[in-house]
N, C-alpha and C. Protein backbone atom coordinates (compact mmCIF):
# COMPACT_ATOMS: atom_id res chain seq x y z
N MET A 1 104.17 5.68 -144.96
CA MET A 1 103.90 4.06 -143.86
C MET A 1 104.03 3.28 -145.29
N ASN A 2 103.61 3.59 -146.42
CA ASN A 2 104.22 2.47 -147.22
C ASN A 2 105.66 2.38 -147.59
N LYS A 3 106.40 3.45 -146.96
CA LYS A 3 108.13 3.32 -147.97
C LYS A 3 108.45 2.32 -146.49
N LEU A 4 107.95 2.86 -145.59
CA LEU A 4 108.41 1.88 -144.14
C LEU A 4 108.00 0.29 -144.08
N THR A 5 107.23 0.37 -144.49
CA THR A 5 106.20 -1.37 -144.96
C THR A 5 107.40 -2.00 -145.71
N LEU A 6 107.76 -0.76 -147.25
CA LEU A 6 108.81 -1.75 -148.13
C LEU A 6 110.07 -1.84 -147.49
N LEU A 7 110.47 -0.81 -146.65
CA LEU A 7 111.76 -1.05 -145.96
C LEU A 7 112.00 -2.17 -145.17
N LEU A 8 110.80 -2.34 -144.53
CA LEU A 8 110.88 -3.65 -143.39
C LEU A 8 110.86 -4.54 -144.14
N PHE A 9 110.60 -4.86 -145.89
CA PHE A 9 110.57 -6.17 -146.15
C PHE A 9 111.67 -6.10 -146.80
N ILE A 10 112.60 -5.06 -147.10
CA ILE A 10 113.74 -5.69 -147.40
C ILE A 10 114.54 -5.69 -146.73
N SER A 11 114.79 -5.37 -145.98
CA SER A 11 115.57 -4.94 -144.82
C SER A 11 115.33 -6.98 -143.97
N LEU A 12 114.66 -7.42 -144.05
CA LEU A 12 113.94 -8.60 -143.81
C LEU A 12 114.68 -9.62 -144.67
N PHE A 13 115.42 -10.04 -145.85
CA PHE A 13 115.40 -10.19 -146.74
C PHE A 13 116.76 -9.92 -147.28
N SER A 14 117.28 -8.80 -146.08
CA SER A 14 119.34 -8.23 -146.31
C SER A 14 119.24 -7.36 -147.79
N TYR A 15 118.38 -7.32 -148.42
CA TYR A 15 118.44 -6.19 -149.70
C TYR A 15 118.51 -4.89 -149.71
N ALA A 16 119.03 -4.55 -150.39
CA ALA A 16 119.78 -2.74 -150.10
C ALA A 16 120.23 -2.54 -151.76
N GLY A 17 120.01 -1.64 -151.77
CA GLY A 17 120.74 -1.08 -153.24
C GLY A 17 119.58 0.02 -154.32
N ALA A 18 120.50 0.52 -155.11
CA ALA A 18 119.74 1.72 -155.68
C ALA A 18 119.09 1.20 -157.53
N MET A 19 117.97 1.72 -157.55
CA MET A 19 117.11 0.67 -159.00
C MET A 19 117.80 1.80 -159.94
N ALA A 20 117.75 0.75 -161.38
CA ALA A 20 118.39 1.35 -162.13
C ALA A 20 117.17 1.42 -162.63
N SER A 21 117.12 2.53 -164.08
CA SER A 21 115.99 2.95 -165.38
C SER A 21 116.08 2.59 -165.92
N ASN A 22 115.89 1.30 -166.89
CA ASN A 22 116.01 0.99 -168.44
C ASN A 22 114.40 0.13 -168.63
N ASP A 23 113.34 0.52 -169.07
CA ASP A 23 112.14 -0.26 -168.89
C ASP A 23 112.62 -0.86 -170.04
N ALA A 24 113.02 -0.55 -171.05
CA ALA A 24 113.02 -1.23 -172.10
C ALA A 24 113.36 -2.18 -172.51
N VAL A 25 113.72 -3.54 -171.51
CA VAL A 25 114.48 -4.28 -171.23
C VAL A 25 113.68 -5.26 -170.54
N LEU A 26 113.52 -6.20 -171.25
CA LEU A 26 113.08 -7.70 -170.87
C LEU A 26 113.41 -8.13 -169.50
N MET A 27 112.16 -8.26 -168.28
CA MET A 27 112.94 -9.10 -167.37
C MET A 27 112.54 -10.31 -167.22
N SER A 28 113.15 -11.21 -166.65
CA SER A 28 113.57 -12.69 -167.25
C SER A 28 112.69 -12.85 -165.48
N CYS A 29 111.96 -14.06 -165.64
CA CYS A 29 110.68 -13.87 -164.77
C CYS A 29 110.57 -16.22 -165.06
N ASP A 30 110.20 -17.15 -163.59
CA ASP A 30 110.25 -18.18 -164.17
C ASP A 30 108.55 -18.69 -163.61
N HIS A 31 107.50 -18.93 -164.77
CA HIS A 31 106.56 -18.96 -164.29
C HIS A 31 106.57 -20.67 -163.92
N LYS A 32 107.80 -21.41 -163.74
CA LYS A 32 107.54 -22.62 -163.72
C LYS A 32 107.63 -22.86 -162.42
N VAL A 33 107.90 -22.11 -161.54
CA VAL A 33 107.42 -22.36 -160.12
C VAL A 33 106.83 -21.57 -159.08
N ALA A 34 106.07 -22.19 -158.08
CA ALA A 34 104.60 -20.96 -158.30
C ALA A 34 104.96 -21.33 -156.40
N MET A 35 105.11 -20.29 -155.93
CA MET A 35 104.99 -20.01 -154.18
C MET A 35 103.89 -20.39 -153.41
N SER A 36 104.02 -20.25 -152.04
CA SER A 36 103.39 -21.06 -151.30
C SER A 36 102.14 -20.22 -151.12
N GLY A 37 101.23 -20.83 -150.33
CA GLY A 37 99.91 -19.97 -150.02
C GLY A 37 100.91 -18.78 -148.59
N ASP A 38 101.70 -19.34 -148.29
CA ASP A 38 102.12 -18.73 -146.90
C ASP A 38 102.93 -17.03 -147.73
N LEU A 39 103.05 -17.91 -148.50
CA LEU A 39 104.19 -16.64 -149.55
C LEU A 39 103.42 -15.90 -149.93
N LEU A 40 102.44 -16.53 -150.71
CA LEU A 40 101.14 -15.25 -151.45
C LEU A 40 100.91 -14.54 -150.23
N SER A 41 99.62 -15.06 -149.23
CA SER A 41 99.83 -13.67 -147.93
C SER A 41 101.15 -12.85 -148.25
N LYS A 42 102.10 -12.94 -147.84
CA LYS A 42 103.01 -11.91 -147.76
C LYS A 42 103.04 -10.97 -148.57
N VAL A 43 103.12 -11.97 -150.52
CA VAL A 43 103.11 -10.85 -151.47
C VAL A 43 102.00 -9.73 -152.00
N ILE A 44 101.10 -10.49 -151.20
CA ILE A 44 99.82 -9.13 -151.63
C ILE A 44 99.96 -8.36 -150.20
N LYS A 45 100.41 -8.45 -149.10
CA LYS A 45 100.59 -7.38 -148.15
C LYS A 45 101.49 -6.32 -148.22
N HIS A 46 102.62 -6.85 -149.29
CA HIS A 46 103.71 -5.75 -149.56
C HIS A 46 103.31 -5.61 -151.13
N ARG A 47 102.62 -5.49 -152.21
CA ARG A 47 102.59 -5.47 -153.41
C ARG A 47 102.44 -3.69 -153.05
N ASP A 48 101.57 -3.20 -152.86
CA ASP A 48 101.33 -2.32 -152.61
C ASP A 48 102.10 -0.66 -152.68
N SER A 49 103.08 -1.43 -150.99
CA SER A 49 104.19 -0.42 -151.08
C SER A 49 105.49 -0.48 -152.07
N ALA A 50 105.19 -1.60 -152.44
CA ALA A 50 106.45 -1.48 -153.76
C ALA A 50 105.93 -1.55 -154.95
N PHE A 51 105.13 -0.84 -155.52
CA PHE A 51 104.30 -0.61 -156.49
C PHE A 51 104.82 0.32 -157.43
N GLN A 52 105.69 1.30 -157.04
CA GLN A 52 106.34 2.33 -158.03
C GLN A 52 107.94 1.69 -157.60
N THR A 53 107.67 1.88 -157.19
CA THR A 53 109.75 0.73 -157.00
C THR A 53 109.68 -0.25 -158.31
N CYS A 54 108.97 -1.26 -158.02
CA CYS A 54 109.05 -2.47 -159.14
C CYS A 54 108.37 -2.35 -160.02
N LEU A 55 107.97 -0.80 -160.65
CA LEU A 55 107.19 -0.85 -161.81
C LEU A 55 106.69 0.42 -162.81
N THR A 56 107.21 0.73 -163.50
CA THR A 56 106.57 1.77 -164.31
C THR A 56 104.99 1.24 -165.13
N CYS A 57 104.14 2.12 -164.67
CA CYS A 57 102.70 2.12 -165.48
C CYS A 57 102.18 3.19 -166.25
N ASN A 58 101.71 2.93 -167.10
CA ASN A 58 101.18 3.69 -168.14
C ASN A 58 99.82 3.42 -168.41
N LYS A 59 98.62 3.80 -168.04
CA LYS A 59 97.45 3.77 -168.44
C LYS A 59 97.01 1.91 -167.52
N GLY A 60 96.71 0.99 -168.40
CA GLY A 60 96.60 -0.24 -167.34
C GLY A 60 97.82 -1.76 -167.76
N ASP A 61 98.83 -0.96 -168.21
CA ASP A 61 99.96 -1.54 -168.22
C ASP A 61 101.15 -1.33 -167.43
N CYS A 62 101.83 -2.16 -166.63
CA CYS A 62 103.22 -2.01 -166.38
C CYS A 62 104.54 -2.49 -166.52
N ALA A 63 105.65 -2.23 -166.69
CA ALA A 63 106.54 -2.78 -166.54
C ALA A 63 107.44 -2.66 -165.63
N MET A 64 107.65 -3.93 -165.41
CA MET A 64 108.80 -4.74 -164.37
C MET A 64 110.31 -3.75 -164.93
N LYS A 65 110.41 -3.02 -163.83
CA LYS A 65 112.13 -1.87 -163.81
C LYS A 65 113.10 -3.24 -163.65
N THR A 66 114.28 -2.52 -164.74
CA THR A 66 114.93 -3.31 -164.37
C THR A 66 115.85 -2.67 -163.55
N TRP A 67 117.03 -3.31 -163.25
CA TRP A 67 118.19 -2.88 -162.24
C TRP A 67 119.34 -3.72 -162.33
N THR A 68 120.36 -2.53 -162.34
CA THR A 68 121.86 -2.71 -161.94
C THR A 68 122.77 -4.58 -161.37
N ALA A 69 123.75 -4.67 -161.91
CA ALA A 69 124.02 -6.10 -161.25
C ALA A 69 123.85 -5.94 -160.07
N GLU A 70 124.89 -4.54 -159.52
CA GLU A 70 124.58 -4.49 -158.07
C GLU A 70 123.24 -4.57 -157.26
N ASN A 71 122.78 -4.84 -157.85
CA ASN A 71 121.72 -4.10 -157.16
C ASN A 71 120.41 -5.87 -157.43
N GLN A 72 120.73 -6.54 -157.47
CA GLN A 72 120.27 -7.74 -157.99
C GLN A 72 118.94 -8.19 -156.72
N ASN A 73 119.81 -8.23 -155.24
CA ASN A 73 118.27 -8.44 -154.72
C ASN A 73 117.10 -8.21 -155.12
N ASN A 74 117.44 -6.61 -155.23
CA ASN A 74 115.88 -5.46 -155.04
C ASN A 74 115.16 -6.44 -156.47
N GLU A 75 115.64 -6.39 -157.59
CA GLU A 75 115.11 -7.40 -158.86
C GLU A 75 114.60 -8.55 -158.18
N MET A 76 114.94 -9.67 -157.40
CA MET A 76 114.70 -10.75 -157.54
C MET A 76 113.36 -10.52 -155.64
N ILE A 77 113.46 -9.41 -155.10
CA ILE A 77 112.40 -8.89 -154.66
C ILE A 77 110.73 -8.87 -155.24
N CYS A 78 111.34 -7.80 -156.50
CA CYS A 78 110.43 -7.15 -157.92
C CYS A 78 109.73 -8.50 -158.19
N LYS A 79 110.73 -9.40 -158.67
CA LYS A 79 110.03 -10.67 -159.14
C LYS A 79 109.34 -11.58 -158.24
N ARG A 80 109.77 -11.74 -156.99
CA ARG A 80 108.89 -12.53 -155.83
C ARG A 80 107.60 -11.69 -155.71
N LEU A 81 107.32 -10.28 -156.22
CA LEU A 81 106.18 -9.31 -155.75
C LEU A 81 104.98 -9.45 -156.70
N PHE A 82 105.72 -9.92 -158.53
CA PHE A 82 105.14 -9.08 -159.44
C PHE A 82 104.55 -10.44 -160.73
N CYS A 83 105.77 -11.10 -160.37
CA CYS A 83 105.60 -11.97 -161.55
C CYS A 83 106.20 -13.56 -161.31
N THR A 84 105.75 -14.13 -159.88
CA THR A 84 105.92 -15.44 -159.45
C THR A 84 104.44 -15.67 -159.07
N PRO A 85 104.24 -16.94 -160.23
CA PRO A 85 102.46 -17.49 -160.05
C PRO A 85 102.27 -17.78 -158.41
N LYS A 86 101.44 -17.91 -158.37
CA LYS A 86 100.71 -18.66 -157.24
C LYS A 86 100.32 -19.97 -157.42
N LYS A 87 100.33 -20.20 -159.06
CA LYS A 87 100.09 -22.07 -158.78
C LYS A 87 100.10 -22.20 -160.47
N VAL A 88 100.98 -23.11 -160.43
CA VAL A 88 101.36 -24.36 -161.84
C VAL A 88 100.78 -25.42 -162.43
N SER A 89 100.66 -25.75 -162.92
CA SER A 89 99.96 -27.19 -163.34
C SER A 89 100.89 -28.28 -162.88
N LYS A 90 100.79 -29.18 -162.42
CA LYS A 90 101.19 -30.35 -162.41
C LYS A 90 101.66 -31.12 -163.03
N GLY A 91 100.40 -31.29 -163.75
CA GLY A 91 101.10 -32.32 -165.56
C GLY A 91 100.34 -31.67 -166.61
N TYR A 92 101.10 -31.78 -167.53
CA TYR A 92 100.19 -31.25 -168.69
C TYR A 92 100.20 -31.82 -169.99
N GLU A 93 99.16 -31.99 -170.57
CA GLU A 93 99.59 -32.45 -171.80
C GLU A 93 100.11 -32.21 -172.61
N VAL A 94 101.29 -33.19 -173.48
CA VAL A 94 102.21 -32.61 -174.52
C VAL A 94 101.22 -32.50 -175.76
N PRO A 95 101.23 -31.67 -176.81
CA PRO A 95 100.27 -31.45 -178.19
C PRO A 95 100.73 -32.46 -178.57
N ALA A 96 99.65 -33.59 -179.03
CA ALA A 96 100.00 -34.65 -180.10
C ALA A 96 100.94 -35.22 -181.38
N ASP A 97 101.08 -33.70 -181.94
CA ASP A 97 101.90 -33.50 -182.77
C ASP A 97 103.17 -32.90 -182.92
N THR A 98 104.01 -32.68 -181.28
CA THR A 98 104.84 -32.20 -180.99
C THR A 98 105.99 -33.37 -181.87
N PRO A 99 106.54 -32.34 -182.66
CA PRO A 99 108.38 -32.97 -182.90
C PRO A 99 109.23 -34.23 -181.46
N ARG A 100 109.63 -34.85 -181.90
CA ARG A 100 110.74 -35.35 -181.09
C ARG A 100 111.96 -35.03 -181.15
N GLY A 101 113.08 -34.57 -179.93
CA GLY A 101 113.99 -34.13 -180.19
C GLY A 101 114.37 -32.78 -178.73
N LYS A 102 115.54 -32.74 -178.94
CA LYS A 102 115.45 -31.42 -178.25
C LYS A 102 115.47 -30.18 -178.98
N SER A 103 114.79 -29.59 -177.75
CA SER A 103 114.59 -27.96 -178.21
C SER A 103 115.07 -27.28 -177.41
N SER A 104 115.37 -25.97 -178.11
CA SER A 104 115.48 -24.73 -176.26
C SER A 104 115.08 -23.34 -177.35
N PHE A 105 114.36 -22.79 -176.33
CA PHE A 105 113.65 -21.68 -177.25
C PHE A 105 113.72 -20.26 -175.75
N THR A 106 113.55 -19.38 -176.51
CA THR A 106 113.42 -18.24 -175.62
C THR A 106 112.22 -17.39 -175.85
N TYR A 107 111.04 -17.25 -175.32
CA TYR A 107 110.33 -16.03 -175.31
C TYR A 107 109.74 -14.94 -174.47
N SER A 108 108.90 -14.09 -175.05
CA SER A 108 108.56 -13.03 -174.01
C SER A 108 106.97 -13.52 -173.76
N TYR A 109 106.24 -12.46 -172.85
CA TYR A 109 105.26 -12.73 -172.49
C TYR A 109 104.62 -11.32 -171.71
N SER A 110 103.06 -11.66 -171.59
CA SER A 110 102.70 -10.66 -170.38
C SER A 110 101.93 -11.44 -169.77
N ILE A 111 101.46 -11.17 -168.05
CA ILE A 111 100.33 -11.86 -166.76
C ILE A 111 99.29 -10.37 -167.61
N SER A 112 98.27 -11.19 -167.47
CA SER A 112 97.15 -10.06 -168.09
C SER A 112 96.59 -10.04 -166.24
N LYS A 113 95.62 -8.89 -166.81
CA LYS A 113 94.76 -8.34 -165.58
C LYS A 113 94.19 -9.56 -164.92
N LYS A 114 94.02 -10.25 -165.67
CA LYS A 114 93.07 -12.01 -164.98
C LYS A 114 93.66 -12.38 -164.10
N GLY A 115 95.46 -12.57 -164.33
CA GLY A 115 96.54 -12.97 -163.76
C GLY A 115 96.64 -14.69 -164.39
N ARG A 116 96.38 -14.41 -165.77
CA ARG A 116 97.19 -15.34 -166.50
C ARG A 116 98.34 -15.04 -167.34
N LEU A 117 99.23 -15.84 -167.62
CA LEU A 117 100.01 -15.93 -169.04
C LEU A 117 99.23 -15.74 -170.28
N ASP A 118 100.05 -14.21 -171.08
CA ASP A 118 99.10 -13.64 -172.14
C ASP A 118 100.58 -13.45 -172.92
N GLU A 119 99.60 -13.14 -173.90
CA GLU A 119 100.71 -12.50 -175.39
C GLU A 119 101.90 -13.22 -175.78
N ILE A 120 101.75 -14.34 -175.41
CA ILE A 120 103.44 -15.17 -175.82
C ILE A 120 103.97 -14.98 -176.87
N ASN A 121 105.16 -14.60 -177.12
CA ASN A 121 105.76 -14.33 -178.43
C ASN A 121 107.04 -15.22 -178.29
N ILE A 122 107.30 -16.04 -179.43
CA ILE A 122 108.63 -16.53 -179.74
C ILE A 122 109.42 -15.99 -179.86
N LEU A 123 110.96 -15.98 -178.77
CA LEU A 123 111.90 -14.61 -179.73
C LEU A 123 112.93 -15.28 -180.44
N SER A 124 113.18 -17.06 -179.80
CA SER A 124 113.77 -17.99 -180.79
C SER A 124 113.67 -19.28 -180.68
N VAL A 125 113.91 -19.81 -181.21
CA VAL A 125 113.81 -21.01 -180.96
C VAL A 125 115.44 -22.25 -181.59
N GLU A 126 115.97 -22.92 -181.15
CA GLU A 126 117.19 -23.70 -182.07
C GLU A 126 116.68 -25.60 -181.51
N GLY A 127 116.64 -26.44 -182.45
CA GLY A 127 116.98 -27.72 -182.43
C GLY A 127 115.48 -28.23 -183.43
N SER A 128 114.52 -29.15 -182.90
CA SER A 128 114.10 -29.58 -183.16
C SER A 128 112.34 -29.09 -183.20
N TYR A 129 111.89 -28.44 -182.41
CA TYR A 129 111.00 -26.83 -182.41
C TYR A 129 110.83 -25.93 -183.71
N LYS A 130 109.93 -25.49 -184.22
CA LYS A 130 109.76 -24.58 -185.33
C LYS A 130 109.20 -23.58 -184.10
N ARG A 131 108.56 -22.03 -184.45
CA ARG A 131 108.10 -21.44 -183.66
C ARG A 131 106.69 -21.82 -183.33
N LYS A 132 105.82 -22.55 -184.28
CA LYS A 132 104.52 -22.94 -184.42
C LYS A 132 104.61 -23.82 -183.13
N ASP A 133 106.12 -24.87 -182.58
CA ASP A 133 105.73 -25.88 -181.75
C ASP A 133 105.74 -25.43 -180.39
N ALA A 134 107.09 -24.59 -180.37
CA ALA A 134 107.18 -23.87 -179.23
C ALA A 134 106.21 -23.07 -179.01
N LEU A 135 105.53 -22.49 -179.27
CA LEU A 135 104.13 -21.89 -178.62
C LEU A 135 102.82 -22.90 -178.79
N LYS A 136 102.59 -23.61 -179.25
CA LYS A 136 102.11 -24.55 -178.28
C LYS A 136 102.45 -25.38 -177.83
N PHE A 137 103.38 -25.70 -177.22
CA PHE A 137 103.82 -26.16 -176.14
C PHE A 137 103.66 -25.63 -175.00
N LEU A 138 103.93 -24.19 -175.05
CA LEU A 138 103.81 -23.41 -174.37
C LEU A 138 102.87 -23.24 -173.69
N LYS A 139 101.67 -22.85 -174.90
CA LYS A 139 100.19 -23.57 -174.01
C LYS A 139 99.38 -24.04 -173.63
N SER A 140 99.82 -25.21 -174.23
CA SER A 140 99.66 -26.24 -172.88
C SER A 140 100.24 -26.32 -172.03
N LEU A 141 101.43 -26.32 -171.55
CA LEU A 141 102.01 -26.59 -170.06
C LEU A 141 102.02 -24.97 -169.34
N THR A 142 101.32 -23.78 -169.55
CA THR A 142 101.40 -22.68 -168.54
C THR A 142 99.32 -22.37 -169.02
N LYS A 143 98.80 -23.00 -169.94
CA LYS A 143 96.86 -23.42 -169.78
C LYS A 143 96.46 -23.04 -168.27
N ARG A 144 96.99 -23.53 -167.10
CA ARG A 144 96.66 -23.68 -165.66
C ARG A 144 97.53 -22.83 -165.19
N THR A 145 98.38 -22.24 -165.44
CA THR A 145 99.29 -21.17 -164.70
C THR A 145 98.14 -20.18 -164.52
N GLU A 146 98.26 -19.78 -162.48
CA GLU A 146 97.63 -18.67 -161.84
C GLU A 146 98.71 -17.65 -161.48
N TYR A 147 98.55 -16.09 -162.09
CA TYR A 147 99.14 -15.31 -161.23
C TYR A 147 97.88 -14.49 -159.99
N GLU A 148 98.87 -13.83 -158.96
CA GLU A 148 97.98 -13.12 -158.18
C GLU A 148 97.86 -12.06 -159.33
N PRO A 149 96.12 -11.59 -159.47
CA PRO A 149 95.63 -10.32 -160.39
C PRO A 149 96.66 -9.39 -159.84
N LEU A 150 97.59 -8.22 -160.61
CA LEU A 150 97.97 -6.77 -159.66
C LEU A 150 96.71 -5.81 -159.85
N THR A 151 96.30 -5.67 -158.67
CA THR A 151 95.88 -4.32 -158.37
C THR A 151 96.17 -3.37 -157.82
N HIS A 152 95.81 -2.50 -157.47
CA HIS A 152 96.50 -1.14 -157.11
C HIS A 152 95.18 0.06 -157.06
N GLU A 153 95.13 0.26 -156.24
CA GLU A 153 94.18 1.46 -155.88
C GLU A 153 92.84 1.27 -156.15
N ASN A 154 92.40 0.13 -156.61
CA ASN A 154 91.32 -0.41 -156.67
C ASN A 154 91.07 0.07 -158.34
N LYS A 155 92.44 -0.72 -158.79
CA LYS A 155 92.27 -0.44 -160.50
C LYS A 155 93.34 -2.07 -160.64
N LYS A 156 92.95 -2.81 -161.85
CA LYS A 156 93.86 -3.72 -162.27
C LYS A 156 94.39 -3.23 -163.26
N TYR A 157 96.11 -4.27 -163.40
CA TYR A 157 97.11 -3.76 -164.27
C TYR A 157 97.38 -4.91 -164.77
N LYS A 158 97.83 -5.24 -166.03
CA LYS A 158 98.54 -6.07 -166.85
C LYS A 158 100.19 -6.08 -166.19
N VAL A 159 100.62 -6.85 -166.54
CA VAL A 159 102.42 -6.43 -166.52
C VAL A 159 102.82 -7.37 -167.62
N THR A 160 103.81 -6.34 -168.33
CA THR A 160 104.08 -6.88 -169.46
C THR A 160 106.20 -6.83 -169.28
N ASN A 161 106.66 -7.00 -170.66
CA ASN A 161 108.28 -6.84 -170.55
C ASN A 161 108.51 -8.06 -169.83
N LEU A 162 108.35 -9.33 -170.04
CA LEU A 162 108.39 -10.67 -169.32
C LEU A 162 109.06 -11.22 -170.13
N THR A 163 110.18 -12.07 -169.37
CA THR A 163 110.70 -13.18 -170.63
C THR A 163 111.24 -14.90 -170.04
N SER A 164 111.65 -15.66 -170.88
CA SER A 164 111.85 -17.12 -170.47
C SER A 164 112.64 -17.55 -171.39
N SER A 165 113.19 -18.86 -170.54
CA SER A 165 113.95 -19.59 -171.60
C SER A 165 113.40 -21.14 -171.34
N MET A 166 113.16 -21.93 -172.28
CA MET A 166 113.02 -23.36 -171.00
C MET A 166 113.92 -24.36 -172.61
N THR A 167 114.44 -25.41 -171.93
CA THR A 167 115.37 -26.66 -172.93
C THR A 167 114.36 -27.64 -172.62
N VAL A 168 113.69 -28.47 -173.86
CA VAL A 168 112.93 -29.57 -173.60
C VAL A 168 113.19 -30.37 -174.57
N ASN A 169 113.34 -32.07 -173.76
CA ASN A 169 113.60 -33.67 -174.91
C ASN A 169 112.93 -34.07 -174.90
N MET A 170 112.23 -34.68 -176.03
CA MET A 170 111.50 -34.88 -176.51
C MET A 170 111.24 -36.08 -177.07
N LYS A 171 112.68 -36.51 -176.48
CA LYS A 171 112.41 -38.28 -176.89
C LYS A 171 112.68 -39.63 -176.48
N TRP A 172 112.03 -40.12 -177.28
CA TRP A 172 111.17 -41.92 -176.05
C TRP A 172 112.45 -42.07 -175.89
N GLU A 173 112.19 -42.98 -174.48
CA GLU A 173 113.06 -43.45 -174.15
C GLU A 173 114.20 -44.67 -174.55
N ASN A 174 113.79 -45.18 -175.61
CA ASN A 174 114.58 -45.98 -176.75
C ASN A 174 114.93 -45.17 -177.63
N GLU A 175 114.77 -44.18 -178.03
CA GLU A 175 115.83 -43.31 -179.24
C GLU A 175 117.17 -43.02 -178.76
């Protein structure tokens, strides 16, 4: 029955394809845009049926599976189900000591068992920021970001191997 539900969910979005197995790769997810309440109820409904398809779990940690380029539609479904926030902050306070100028950075992170962004690790930084500046900025930006906690068969899981990148420009208008 769970496989039928997943198949129905996939066909609703016209997605098909086969899974590739390479769990060491980071999965690029966007934690800056939240899903609607209506979509959240659909996500919760279909998570159990996609649990083994989208995730590789060991004890309390689950890594997102990766997909080949020809199976990007499956990847999008897994991202929607397991690494799209239900709430993002509409505003945030930029740390006072944030350097001025343009910066780009890439980072990895996890989603905790409580549905919070966790274990942020700055992978690379370019521009006026240093690693500590990027980390401080990200913590401020994401402190109110919430995910639906991942529960499967009455057990809570953490989602690992997630990544994202960001470019910010902290210049004043007259600079």
